[in-house]
Amino acid sequence: MRFAIISDIHGNFPALNAVLADAEENGAESYIFVGDYCLSNPYPDECITRIRELDSKYVIRGNEERYLENLVGKDQSTWTDGQMQISYWNYQNISPDNLEYILSLPTKLSVSVGDVTLRIAHSSEEFIEDAEGRLFGPAKVAKRYQDSFITAETFREDIRKCLNADVPFLNAWAALADGVYIFGHTHLQWSYQSKDGRKVLLNPGSCGLPLDCVEGGMPYTLLDISDKETVTVEERRVPFDMKNYLESFKASDQFAKANVWSKVIMKELQAAREHLTFFLQDVERYADEIGDKQRPFSVLTWEQGFARWQGRCKECDSMEELP
């Protein structure tokens, strides 16, 4: 059985279509979607519809779906802040059927292929505690590589070195039963496999918003399980016309209605690395400096904080560790 593993689409419909076409060309028989279908790029409804149209699939929800769930039944006349504009826009622009679908999805799945068990969750914390975020979360990756692009091979080697040197991770890894552990969330494509091939960790990266500083397209992963229950992982990157996509992004209704968030995401798309964390840290400092205690941030503080952040950093290379 050949699975295409796809995660963190975040409303990027052209990227999803490109990845699905590549997966079909390469013989994918079934699809595993690992959550976060909205709240960044401007085509969430189209992405959800496309996923629902696929015949053979396993789908779970991610953390972003919770932001929409929290808005169900709320008074929309109170949605006047700046910070949550992206959530409000998504809630109002995802069809009721599609919203019901993603909110009804499970948070975890277990799938058996012969004697091989696939365990699927949005975050690796379900399997290896905090190892991924602690060792190489997207903010740490952005700080490590600054404004440089790297190859996928370099990234894989750096992650393997981090994992092999970390005792807490190695202990968590040793405690896992044989099987394939599939997750997303960090927007970083990587995998880790035991010498006998019977135990695998697999993050396909973000199909719609990669943050691993790797040039070369939008990531997903092919997973093969043979009749002899041999597990093979192939990490793929699909070419993507980023220039034309960003032009369509700028013309979107999301760009008009959630402008600050959209601009930060566009910077991430261009740079293939984390920016949002550093912007949120900076706007929090700005609000404290001006004595603004309102949370979520008001439209004025949100927009003025963004203008300050843009002026203070060149592609945000003055990056700080997460607190």
C-alpha atoms as a PDB file:
ATOM      1  CA  MET A   1       0.000   0.000   0.000  1.00  0.00           C
ATOM      2  CA  ARG A   2       1.298   3.448  -0.921  1.00  0.00           C
ATOM      3  CA  PHE A   3       0.058   6.381   1.175  1.00  0.00           C
ATOM      4  CA  ALA A   4       0.533  10.089   0.478  1.00  0.00           C
ATOM      5  CA  ILE A   5       0.997  11.840   3.846  1.00  0.00           C
ATOM      6  CA  ILE A   6      -0.080  15.498   3.753  1.00  0.00           C
ATOM      7  CA  SER A   7      -0.241  17.989   6.607  1.00  0.00           C
ATOM      8  CA  ASP A   8      -0.691  21.667   7.434  1.00  0.00           C
ATOM      9  CA  ILE A   9      -2.297  22.795   4.188  1.00  0.00           C
ATOM     10  CA  HIS A  10      -3.468  26.016   5.864  1.00  0.00           C
ATOM     11  CA  GLY A  11      -5.754  27.089   3.044  1.00  0.00           C
ATOM     12  CA  ASN A  12      -3.192  26.856   0.221  1.00  0.00           C
ATOM     13  CA  PHE A  13      -5.363  25.318  -2.479  1.00  0.00           C
ATOM     14  CA  PRO A  14      -2.889  25.555  -5.389  1.00  0.00           C
ATOM     15  CA  ALA A  15      -0.212  23.822  -3.289  1.00  0.00           C
ATOM     16  CA  LEU A  16      -2.657  21.079  -2.288  1.00  0.00           C
ATOM     17  CA  ASN A  17      -3.580  20.500  -5.928  1.00  0.00           C
ATOM     18  CA  ALA A  18       0.081  20.329  -6.931  1.00  0.00           C
ATOM     19  CA  VAL A  19       0.864  17.817  -4.189  1.00  0.00           C
ATOM     20  CA  LEU A  20      -2.179  15.673  -4.988  1.00  0.00           C
ATOM     21  CA  ALA A  21      -1.229  15.609  -8.674  1.00  0.00           C
ATOM     22  CA  ASP A  22       2.312  14.547  -7.817  1.00  0.00           C
ATOM     23  CA  ALA A  23       1.046  11.866  -5.444  1.00  0.00           C
ATOM     24  CA  GLU A  24      -1.300  10.476  -8.104  1.00  0.00           C
ATOM     25  CA  GLU A  25       1.491  10.444 -10.685  1.00  0.00           C
ATOM     26  CA  ASN A  26       3.624   8.514  -8.223  1.00  0.00           C
ATOM     27  CA  GLY A  27       1.051   5.844  -7.527  1.00  0.00           C
ATOM     28  CA  ALA A  28      -0.534   6.926  -4.250  1.00  0.00           C
ATOM     29  CA  GLU A  29      -3.380   4.565  -3.374  1.00  0.00           C
ATOM     30  CA  SER A  30      -4.630   6.329  -0.258  1.00  0.00           C
ATOM     31  CA  TYR A  31      -4.143   9.624   1.550  1.00  0.00           C
ATOM     32  CA  ILE A  32      -3.483  10.553   5.167  1.00  0.00           C
ATOM     33  CA  PHE A  33      -4.226  14.145   6.172  1.00  0.00           C
ATOM     34  CA  VAL A  34      -2.749  15.265   9.467  1.00  0.00           C
ATOM     35  CA  GLY A  35      -4.674  18.456  10.298  1.00  0.00           C
ATOM     36  CA  ASP A  36      -4.614  22.256   9.984  1.00  0.00           C
ATOM     37  CA  TYR A  37      -6.638  22.921   6.847  1.00  0.00           C
ATOM     38  CA  CYS A  38      -7.208  26.650   7.382  1.00  0.00           C
ATOM     39  CA  LEU A  39      -6.067  29.911   9.056  1.00  0.00           C
ATOM     40  CA  SER A  40      -3.189  31.255   6.951  1.00  0.00           C
ATOM     41  CA  ASN A  41      -3.747  31.059   3.175  1.00  0.00           C
ATOM     42  CA  PRO A  42      -6.929  32.377   1.532  1.00  0.00           C
ATOM     43  CA  TYR A  43      -8.545  29.188   0.156  1.00  0.00           C
ATOM     44  CA  PRO A  44      -9.621  27.068   3.135  1.00  0.00           C
ATOM     45  CA  ASP A  45     -13.063  26.148   1.828  1.00  0.00           C
ATOM     46  CA  GLU A  46     -11.660  24.916  -1.475  1.00  0.00           C
ATOM     47  CA  CYS A  47      -9.065  22.803   0.354  1.00  0.00           C
ATOM     48  CA  ILE A  48     -11.643  21.107   2.552  1.00  0.00           C
ATOM     49  CA  THR A  49     -13.928  20.412  -0.404  1.00  0.00           C
ATOM     50  CA  ARG A  50     -11.029  18.867  -2.331  1.00  0.00           C
ATOM     51  CA  ILE A  51     -10.121  16.569   0.549  1.00  0.00           C
ATOM     52  CA  ARG A  52     -13.724  15.467   0.945  1.00  0.00           C
ATOM     53  CA  GLU A  53     -13.847  14.513  -2.736  1.00  0.00           C
ATOM     54  CA  LEU A  54     -11.040  11.953  -2.410  1.00  0.00           C
ATOM     55  CA  ASP A  55     -12.202   8.351  -2.221  1.00  0.00           C
ATOM     56  CA  SER A  56      -9.554   6.660  -0.077  1.00  0.00           C
ATOM     57  CA  LYS A  57      -8.390   8.797   2.816  1.00  0.00           C
ATOM     58  CA  TYR A  58      -7.811   9.063   6.559  1.00  0.00           C
ATOM     59  CA  VAL A  59      -8.302  12.542   7.998  1.00  0.00           C
ATOM     60  CA  ILE A  60      -7.747  14.012  11.460  1.00  0.00           C
ATOM     61  CA  ARG A  61      -8.081  17.553  12.748  1.00  0.00           C
ATOM     62  CA  GLY A  62      -5.268  19.804  13.943  1.00  0.00           C
ATOM     63  CA  ASN A  63      -4.902  22.611  16.455  1.00  0.00           C
ATOM     64  CA  GLU A  64      -6.071  25.338  14.047  1.00  0.00           C
ATOM     65  CA  GLU A  65      -9.522  23.795  13.799  1.00  0.00           C
ATOM     66  CA  ARG A  66      -9.976  24.563  17.486  1.00  0.00           C
ATOM     67  CA  TYR A  67      -9.916  28.315  16.770  1.00  0.00           C
ATOM     68  CA  LEU A  68     -12.975  27.894  14.567  1.00  0.00           C
ATOM     69  CA  GLU A  69     -14.691  25.594  17.032  1.00  0.00           C
ATOM     70  CA  ASN A  70     -14.338  28.314  19.680  1.00  0.00           C
ATOM     71  CA  LEU A  71     -16.343  30.711  17.486  1.00  0.00           C
ATOM     72  CA  VAL A  72     -19.373  28.471  17.037  1.00  0.00           C
ATOM     73  CA  GLY A  73     -22.488  30.178  18.402  1.00  0.00           C
ATOM     74  CA  LYS A  74     -20.659  33.393  19.325  1.00  0.00           C
ATOM     75  CA  ASP A  75     -22.005  36.912  18.718  1.00  0.00           C
ATOM     76  CA  GLN A  76     -20.266  38.092  15.547  1.00  0.00           C
ATOM     77  CA  SER A  77     -20.992  41.728  16.326  1.00  0.00           C
ATOM     78  CA  THR A  78     -18.255  41.510  18.977  1.00  0.00           C
ATOM     79  CA  TRP A  79     -15.620  40.442  16.433  1.00  0.00           C
ATOM     80  CA  THR A  80     -13.986  43.870  16.234  1.00  0.00           C
ATOM     81  CA  ASP A  81     -10.396  43.247  17.338  1.00  0.00           C
ATOM     82  CA  GLY A  82      -7.421  43.055  14.992  1.00  0.00           C
ATOM     83  CA  GLN A  83      -5.629  39.958  16.207  1.00  0.00           C
ATOM     84  CA  MET A  84      -8.389  37.433  15.497  1.00  0.00           C
ATOM     85  CA  GLN A  85      -9.395  38.792  12.094  1.00  0.00           C
ATOM     86  CA  ILE A  86      -7.984  35.689  10.412  1.00  0.00           C
ATOM     87  CA  SER A  87     -10.155  33.380  12.524  1.00  0.00           C
ATOM     88  CA  TYR A  88     -13.263  35.465  11.892  1.00  0.00           C
ATOM     89  CA  TRP A  89     -12.606  35.536   8.148  1.00  0.00           C
ATOM     90  CA  ASN A  90     -12.142  31.764   7.992  1.00  0.00           C
ATOM     91  CA  TYR A  91     -15.266  31.113  10.038  1.00  0.00           C
ATOM     92  CA  GLN A  92     -17.305  33.311   7.713  1.00  0.00           C
ATOM     93  CA  ASN A  93     -15.808  31.911   4.509  1.00  0.00           C
ATOM     94  CA  ILE A  94     -15.891  28.171   5.124  1.00  0.00           C
ATOM     95  CA  SER A  95     -19.221  26.655   4.124  1.00  0.00           C
ATOM     96  CA  PRO A  96     -21.382  25.295   6.965  1.00  0.00           C
ATOM     97  CA  ASP A  97     -21.028  21.748   5.606  1.00  0.00           C
ATOM     98  CA  ASN A  98     -17.256  21.986   5.402  1.00  0.00           C
ATOM     99  CA  LEU A  99     -17.027  23.556   8.847  1.00  0.00           C
ATOM    100  CA  GLU A 100     -19.129  20.776  10.320  1.00  0.00           C
ATOM    101  CA  TYR A 101     -16.920  18.232   8.552  1.00  0.00           C
ATOM    102  CA  ILE A 102     -13.575  19.470   9.906  1.00  0.00           C
ATOM    103  CA  LEU A 103     -14.946  19.992  13.415  1.00  0.00           C
ATOM    104  CA  SER A 104     -16.283  16.428  13.453  1.00  0.00           C
ATOM    105  CA  LEU A 105     -12.902  14.892  12.616  1.00  0.00           C
ATOM    106  CA  PRO A 106     -11.071  12.786  15.211  1.00  0.00           C
ATOM    107  CA  THR A 107      -7.882  14.093  16.804  1.00  0.00           C
ATOM    108  CA  LYS A 108      -6.121  10.722  16.497  1.00  0.00           C
ATOM    109  CA  LEU A 109      -6.377   7.597  14.377  1.00  0.00           C
ATOM    110  CA  SER A 110      -4.853   4.140  14.315  1.00  0.00           C
ATOM    111  CA  VAL A 111      -4.751   2.260  11.012  1.00  0.00           C
ATOM    112  CA  SER A 112      -3.560  -1.311  10.472  1.00  0.00           C
ATOM    113  CA  VAL A 113      -1.920  -2.419   7.226  1.00  0.00           C
ATOM    114  CA  GLY A 114      -1.255  -6.101   7.714  1.00  0.00           C
ATOM    115  CA  ASP A 115       0.742  -6.267  10.923  1.00  0.00           C
ATOM    116  CA  VAL A 116       2.003  -2.691  10.572  1.00  0.00           C
ATOM    117  CA  THR A 117       0.185  -0.102  12.679  1.00  0.00           C
ATOM    118  CA  LEU A 118       0.010   3.540  11.620  1.00  0.00           C
ATOM    119  CA  ARG A 119      -0.601   5.881  14.553  1.00  0.00           C
ATOM    120  CA  ILE A 120      -1.703   9.339  13.449  1.00  0.00           C
ATOM    121  CA  ALA A 121      -1.879  12.534  15.518  1.00  0.00           C
ATOM    122  CA  HIS A 122      -1.326  16.197  14.704  1.00  0.00           C
ATOM    123  CA  SER A 123       1.580  16.728  17.105  1.00  0.00           C
ATOM    124  CA  SER A 124       4.627  14.588  17.813  1.00  0.00           C
ATOM    125  CA  GLU A 125       4.080  15.253  21.515  1.00  0.00           C
ATOM    126  CA  GLU A 126       1.623  12.366  21.408  1.00  0.00           C
ATOM    127  CA  PHE A 127       4.586  10.053  20.768  1.00  0.00           C
ATOM    128  CA  ILE A 128       7.956  11.605  21.716  1.00  0.00           C
ATOM    129  CA  GLU A 129       6.949  14.189  24.319  1.00  0.00           C
ATOM    130  CA  ASP A 130       8.465  17.641  23.640  1.00  0.00           C
ATOM    131  CA  ALA A 131      11.524  16.476  21.693  1.00  0.00           C
ATOM    132  CA  GLU A 132      10.616  18.028  18.350  1.00  0.00           C
ATOM    133  CA  GLY A 133       9.744  21.495  19.599  1.00  0.00           C
ATOM    134  CA  ARG A 134      12.522  21.516  22.170  1.00  0.00           C
ATOM    135  CA  LEU A 135      15.254  20.515  19.720  1.00  0.00           C
ATOM    136  CA  PHE A 136      14.217  22.007  16.383  1.00  0.00           C
ATOM    137  CA  GLY A 137      10.863  23.770  16.391  1.00  0.00           C
ATOM    138  CA  PRO A 138      10.296  26.274  13.574  1.00  0.00           C
ATOM    139  CA  ALA A 139      11.435  29.276  15.638  1.00  0.00           C
ATOM    140  CA  LYS A 140      14.697  27.505  16.489  1.00  0.00           C
ATOM    141  CA  VAL A 141      15.171  26.457  12.852  1.00  0.00           C
ATOM    142  CA  ALA A 142      14.655  30.059  11.701  1.00  0.00           C
ATOM    143  CA  LYS A 143      17.195  31.302  14.206  1.00  0.00           C
ATOM    144  CA  ARG A 144      19.696  28.593  13.272  1.00  0.00           C
ATOM    145  CA  TYR A 145      19.689  29.287   9.537  1.00  0.00           C
ATOM    146  CA  GLN A 146      18.825  33.006   9.684  1.00  0.00           C
ATOM    147  CA  ASP A 147      18.243  34.211   6.099  1.00  0.00           C
ATOM    148  CA  SER A 148      19.975  31.275   4.383  1.00  0.00           C
ATOM    149  CA  PHE A 149      18.232  28.560   2.407  1.00  0.00           C
ATOM    150  CA  ILE A 150      19.407  24.996   2.903  1.00  0.00           C
ATOM    151  CA  THR A 151      18.923  21.708   1.090  1.00  0.00           C
ATOM    152  CA  ALA A 152      16.551  19.008   2.244  1.00  0.00           C
ATOM    153  CA  GLU A 153      19.572  16.732   2.731  1.00  0.00           C
ATOM    154  CA  THR A 154      21.231  19.253   5.068  1.00  0.00           C
ATOM    155  CA  PHE A 155      18.046  19.595   7.077  1.00  0.00           C
ATOM    156  CA  ARG A 156      17.634  15.823   7.416  1.00  0.00           C
ATOM    157  CA  GLU A 157      21.224  15.429   8.587  1.00  0.00           C
ATOM    158  CA  ASP A 158      20.962  18.271  11.112  1.00  0.00           C
ATOM    159  CA  ILE A 159      17.800  16.793  12.617  1.00  0.00           C
ATOM    160  CA  ARG A 160      19.297  13.318  12.825  1.00  0.00           C
ATOM    161  CA  LYS A 161      22.318  14.717  14.675  1.00  0.00           C
ATOM    162  CA  CYS A 162      20.031  16.553  17.127  1.00  0.00           C
ATOM    163  CA  LEU A 163      17.967  13.447  17.814  1.00  0.00           C
ATOM    164  CA  ASN A 164      20.887  11.060  18.131  1.00  0.00           C
ATOM    165  CA  ALA A 165      22.526  13.297  20.741  1.00  0.00           C
ATOM    166  CA  ASP A 166      19.435  13.840  22.898  1.00  0.00           C
ATOM    167  CA  VAL A 167      18.960  11.365  25.760  1.00  0.00           C
ATOM    168  CA  PRO A 168      15.304  12.262  26.558  1.00  0.00           C
ATOM    169  CA  PHE A 169      14.367  11.696  22.921  1.00  0.00           C
ATOM    170  CA  LEU A 170      16.264   8.418  22.735  1.00  0.00           C
ATOM    171  CA  ASN A 171      14.461   7.213  25.850  1.00  0.00           C
ATOM    172  CA  ALA A 172      11.052   8.143  24.421  1.00  0.00           C
ATOM    173  CA  TRP A 173      11.989   6.524  21.108  1.00  0.00           C
ATOM    174  CA  ALA A 174      13.075   3.291  22.812  1.00  0.00           C
ATOM    175  CA  ALA A 175       9.745   3.106  24.638  1.00  0.00           C
ATOM    176  CA  LEU A 176       7.686   3.170  21.426  1.00  0.00           C
ATOM    177  CA  ALA A 177       6.318  -0.058  20.027  1.00  0.00           C
ATOM    178  CA  ASP A 178       7.059  -0.971  16.413  1.00  0.00           C
ATOM    179  CA  GLY A 179       4.933   0.893  13.900  1.00  0.00           C
ATOM    180  CA  VAL A 180       4.725   4.149  11.957  1.00  0.00           C
ATOM    181  CA  TYR A 181       4.081   7.339  13.933  1.00  0.00           C
ATOM    182  CA  ILE A 182       2.679  10.105  11.733  1.00  0.00           C
ATOM    183  CA  PHE A 183       2.308  13.746  12.791  1.00  0.00           C
ATOM    184  CA  GLY A 184       2.673  17.319  11.498  1.00  0.00           C
ATOM    185  CA  HIS A 185       2.208  20.684  13.231  1.00  0.00           C
ATOM    186  CA  THR A 186       5.778  22.066  13.084  1.00  0.00           C
ATOM    187  CA  HIS A 187       5.835  22.584   9.292  1.00  0.00           C
ATOM    188  CA  LEU A 188       9.188  20.758   9.162  1.00  0.00           C
ATOM    189  CA  GLN A 189       9.648  17.701   6.943  1.00  0.00           C
ATOM    190  CA  TRP A 190      11.650  14.905   8.567  1.00  0.00           C
ATOM    191  CA  SER A 191      11.617  11.227   9.418  1.00  0.00           C
ATOM    192  CA  TYR A 192      13.512   8.848  11.695  1.00  0.00           C
ATOM    193  CA  GLN A 193      13.624   5.090  11.235  1.00  0.00           C
ATOM    194  CA  SER A 194      15.017   2.207  13.255  1.00  0.00           C
ATOM    195  CA  LYS A 195      17.798   0.106  11.739  1.00  0.00           C
ATOM    196  CA  ASP A 196      15.435  -2.816  11.177  1.00  0.00           C
ATOM    197  CA  GLY A 197      12.908  -0.470   9.533  1.00  0.00           C
ATOM    198  CA  ARG A 198      10.046  -1.550  11.778  1.00  0.00           C
ATOM    199  CA  LYS A 199       9.694   1.697  13.707  1.00  0.00           C
ATOM    200  CA  VAL A 200       9.310   5.078  11.986  1.00  0.00           C
ATOM    201  CA  LEU A 201       8.645   8.688  12.974  1.00  0.00           C
ATOM    202  CA  LEU A 202       7.268  10.716  10.065  1.00  0.00           C
ATOM    203  CA  ASN A 203       6.482  14.409   9.675  1.00  0.00           C
ATOM    204  CA  PRO A 204       5.569  15.276   6.055  1.00  0.00           C
ATOM    205  CA  GLY A 205       6.134  18.991   6.613  1.00  0.00           C
ATOM    206  CA  SER A 206       3.633  21.631   5.602  1.00  0.00           C
ATOM    207  CA  CYS A 207       2.058  21.279   2.170  1.00  0.00           C
ATOM    208  CA  GLY A 208       0.824  24.879   2.291  1.00  0.00           C
ATOM    209  CA  LEU A 209       3.313  26.781   4.464  1.00  0.00           C
ATOM    210  CA  PRO A 210       6.735  25.102   4.838  1.00  0.00           C
ATOM    211  CA  LEU A 211       8.979  26.602   7.542  1.00  0.00           C
ATOM    212  CA  ASP A 212      12.128  24.480   7.298  1.00  0.00           C
ATOM    213  CA  CYS A 213      14.247  26.970   5.294  1.00  0.00           C
ATOM    214  CA  VAL A 214      14.439  24.447   2.434  1.00  0.00           C
ATOM    215  CA  GLU A 215      14.207  25.595  -1.162  1.00  0.00           C
ATOM    216  CA  GLY A 216      12.592  23.398  -3.724  1.00  0.00           C
ATOM    217  CA  GLY A 217       8.811  23.369  -3.479  1.00  0.00           C
ATOM    218  CA  MET A 218       5.995  22.179  -1.248  1.00  0.00           C
ATOM    219  CA  PRO A 219       6.588  19.030   0.831  1.00  0.00           C
ATOM    220  CA  TYR A 220       4.698  15.844   1.432  1.00  0.00           C
ATOM    221  CA  THR A 221       5.781  12.247   2.057  1.00  0.00           C
ATOM    222  CA  LEU A 222       5.075   8.928   0.382  1.00  0.00           C
ATOM    223  CA  LEU A 223       4.846   5.926   2.691  1.00  0.00           C
ATOM    224  CA  ASP A 224       5.076   2.420   1.252  1.00  0.00           C
ATOM    225  CA  ILE A 225       4.178  -0.726   3.144  1.00  0.00           C
ATOM    226  CA  SER A 226       5.016  -3.836   1.115  1.00  0.00           C
ATOM    227  CA  ASP A 227       3.351  -7.240   1.227  1.00  0.00           C
ATOM    228  CA  LYS A 228       6.301  -8.323   3.356  1.00  0.00           C
ATOM    229  CA  GLU A 229       5.519  -5.404   5.700  1.00  0.00           C
ATOM    230  CA  THR A 230       8.664  -3.510   4.809  1.00  0.00           C
ATOM    231  CA  VAL A 231       8.256   0.221   5.449  1.00  0.00           C
ATOM    232  CA  THR A 232       9.765   2.738   3.011  1.00  0.00           C
ATOM    233  CA  VAL A 233       9.649   6.540   3.326  1.00  0.00           C
ATOM    234  CA  GLU A 234      10.135   8.958   0.426  1.00  0.00           C
ATOM    235  CA  GLU A 235      10.174  12.675   1.199  1.00  0.00           C
ATOM    236  CA  ARG A 236       9.097  14.738  -1.786  1.00  0.00           C
ATOM    237  CA  ARG A 237       9.038  18.435  -2.726  1.00  0.00           C
ATOM    238  CA  VAL A 238       6.684  19.595  -5.457  1.00  0.00           C
ATOM    239  CA  PRO A 239       7.641  22.612  -7.626  1.00  0.00           C
ATOM    240  CA  PHE A 240       5.421  25.622  -6.972  1.00  0.00           C
ATOM    241  CA  ASP A 241       5.038  28.981  -8.721  1.00  0.00           C
ATOM    242  CA  MET A 242       5.343  31.141  -5.625  1.00  0.00           C
ATOM    243  CA  LYS A 243       5.461  34.455  -7.482  1.00  0.00           C
ATOM    244  CA  ASN A 244       2.114  33.958  -9.206  1.00  0.00           C
ATOM    245  CA  TYR A 245       0.583  32.502  -6.068  1.00  0.00           C
ATOM    246  CA  LEU A 246       1.524  35.549  -3.997  1.00  0.00           C
ATOM    247  CA  GLU A 247      -0.068  37.787  -6.606  1.00  0.00           C
ATOM    248  CA  SER A 248      -3.341  35.866  -6.277  1.00  0.00           C
ATOM    249  CA  PHE A 249      -2.978  36.016  -2.480  1.00  0.00           C
ATOM    250  CA  LYS A 250      -2.737  39.823  -2.610  1.00  0.00           C
ATOM    251  CA  ALA A 251      -5.941  39.950  -4.657  1.00  0.00           C
ATOM    252  CA  SER A 252      -7.874  37.753  -2.219  1.00  0.00           C
ATOM    253  CA  ASP A 253     -10.647  38.784   0.141  1.00  0.00           C
ATOM    254  CA  GLN A 254      -8.611  37.415   3.066  1.00  0.00           C
ATOM    255  CA  PHE A 255      -5.787  39.826   2.252  1.00  0.00           C
ATOM    256  CA  ALA A 256      -8.266  42.696   2.410  1.00  0.00           C
ATOM    257  CA  LYS A 257     -10.072  41.552   5.568  1.00  0.00           C
ATOM    258  CA  ALA A 258      -7.127  40.098   7.578  1.00  0.00           C
ATOM    259  CA  ASN A 259      -4.361  42.204   6.115  1.00  0.00           C
ATOM    260  CA  VAL A 260      -1.707  42.061   8.834  1.00  0.00           C
ATOM    261  CA  TRP A 261      -1.921  38.297   9.281  1.00  0.00           C
ATOM    262  CA  SER A 262      -1.882  37.808   5.513  1.00  0.00           C
ATOM    263  CA  LYS A 263       1.252  39.916   5.096  1.00  0.00           C
ATOM    264  CA  VAL A 264       3.099  37.956   7.775  1.00  0.00           C
ATOM    265  CA  ILE A 265       2.106  34.665   6.126  1.00  0.00           C
ATOM    266  CA  MET A 266       3.266  35.943   2.750  1.00  0.00           C
ATOM    267  CA  LYS A 267       6.656  36.728   4.276  1.00  0.00           C
ATOM    268  CA  GLU A 268       6.795  33.178   5.611  1.00  0.00           C
ATOM    269  CA  LEU A 269       5.917  31.763   2.201  1.00  0.00           C
ATOM    270  CA  GLN A 270       8.665  33.765   0.526  1.00  0.00           C
ATOM    271  CA  ALA A 271      11.299  32.942   3.126  1.00  0.00           C
ATOM    272  CA  ALA A 272      10.195  29.362   3.978  1.00  0.00           C
ATOM    273  CA  ARG A 273      10.797  30.078   7.655  1.00  0.00           C
ATOM    274  CA  GLU A 274       9.022  31.239  10.807  1.00  0.00           C
ATOM    275  CA  HIS A 275       8.025  34.893  11.121  1.00  0.00           C
ATOM    276  CA  LEU A 276       4.715  34.810  12.988  1.00  0.00           C
ATOM    277  CA  THR A 277       6.222  33.879  16.354  1.00  0.00           C
ATOM    278  CA  PHE A 278       8.622  36.805  16.227  1.00  0.00           C
ATOM    279  CA  PHE A 279       5.935  39.239  15.116  1.00  0.00           C
ATOM    280  CA  LEU A 280       3.636  38.166  17.965  1.00  0.00           C
ATOM    281  CA  GLN A 281       6.460  38.600  20.461  1.00  0.00           C
ATOM    282  CA  ASP A 282       7.165  42.073  19.119  1.00  0.00           C
ATOM    283  CA  VAL A 283       3.553  43.251  19.119  1.00  0.00           C
ATOM    284  CA  GLU A 284       3.220  41.991  22.711  1.00  0.00           C
ATOM    285  CA  ARG A 285       6.207  44.147  23.698  1.00  0.00           C
ATOM    286  CA  TYR A 286       4.747  47.091  21.787  1.00  0.00           C
ATOM    287  CA  ALA A 287       1.386  46.773  23.564  1.00  0.00           C
ATOM    288  CA  ASP A 288       3.141  46.650  26.939  1.00  0.00           C
ATOM    289  CA  GLU A 289       5.187  49.749  26.066  1.00  0.00           C
ATOM    290  CA  ILE A 290       2.080  51.785  25.219  1.00  0.00           C
ATOM    291  CA  GLY A 291       0.134  50.410  28.184  1.00  0.00           C
ATOM    292  CA  ASP A 292      -2.476  48.583  26.102  1.00  0.00           C
ATOM    293  CA  LYS A 293      -3.897  45.705  28.162  1.00  0.00           C
ATOM    294  CA  GLN A 294      -6.575  44.673  25.644  1.00  0.00           C
ATOM    295  CA  ARG A 295      -6.311  41.100  24.428  1.00  0.00           C
ATOM    296  CA  PRO A 296      -6.916  40.088  21.684  1.00  0.00           C
ATOM    297  CA  PHE A 297      -5.094  43.154  20.372  1.00  0.00           C
ATOM    298  CA  SER A 298      -7.199  46.022  19.062  1.00  0.00           C
ATOM    299  CA  VAL A 299      -7.069  46.862  15.363  1.00  0.00           C
ATOM    300  CA  LEU A 300      -4.954  49.961  16.082  1.00  0.00           C
ATOM    301  CA  THR A 301      -2.381  48.161  18.239  1.00  0.00           C
ATOM    302  CA  TRP A 302      -2.285  45.226  15.822  1.00  0.00           C
ATOM    303  CA  GLU A 303      -1.635  47.426  12.794  1.00  0.00           C
ATOM    304  CA  GLN A 304       0.776  49.798  14.521  1.00  0.00           C
ATOM    305  CA  GLY A 305       2.648  46.862  16.041  1.00  0.00           C
ATOM    306  CA  PHE A 306       2.990  45.319  12.597  1.00  0.00           C
ATOM    307  CA  ALA A 307       4.300  48.577  11.108  1.00  0.00           C
ATOM    308  CA  ARG A 308       6.888  48.788  13.888  1.00  0.00           C
ATOM    309  CA  TRP A 309       7.919  45.165  13.461  1.00  0.00           C
ATOM    310  CA  GLN A 310       8.379  45.595   9.715  1.00  0.00           C
ATOM    311  CA  GLY A 311      10.588  48.611  10.259  1.00  0.00           C
ATOM    312  CA  ARG A 312      12.625  47.064  13.072  1.00  0.00           C
ATOM    313  CA  CYS A 313      13.825  43.897  11.388  1.00  0.00           C
ATOM    314  CA  LYS A 314      15.195  42.921   8.010  1.00  0.00           C
ATOM    315  CA  GLU A 315      13.220  39.740   7.249  1.00  0.00           C
ATOM    316  CA  CYS A 316      13.107  39.366  11.045  1.00  0.00           C
ATOM    317  CA  ASP A 317      16.727  38.196  11.337  1.00  0.00           C
ATOM    318  CA  SER A 318      16.893  39.641  14.883  1.00  0.00           C
ATOM    319  CA  MET A 319      15.191  36.483  16.111  1.00  0.00           C
ATOM    320  CA  GLU A 320      14.797  35.459  19.699  1.00  0.00           C
ATOM    321  CA  GLU A 321      14.278  32.116  21.363  1.00  0.00           C
ATOM    322  CA  LEU A 322      10.760  31.335  22.488  1.00  0.00           C
ATOM    323  CA  PRO A 323      10.296  32.170  26.176  1.00  0.00           C
END
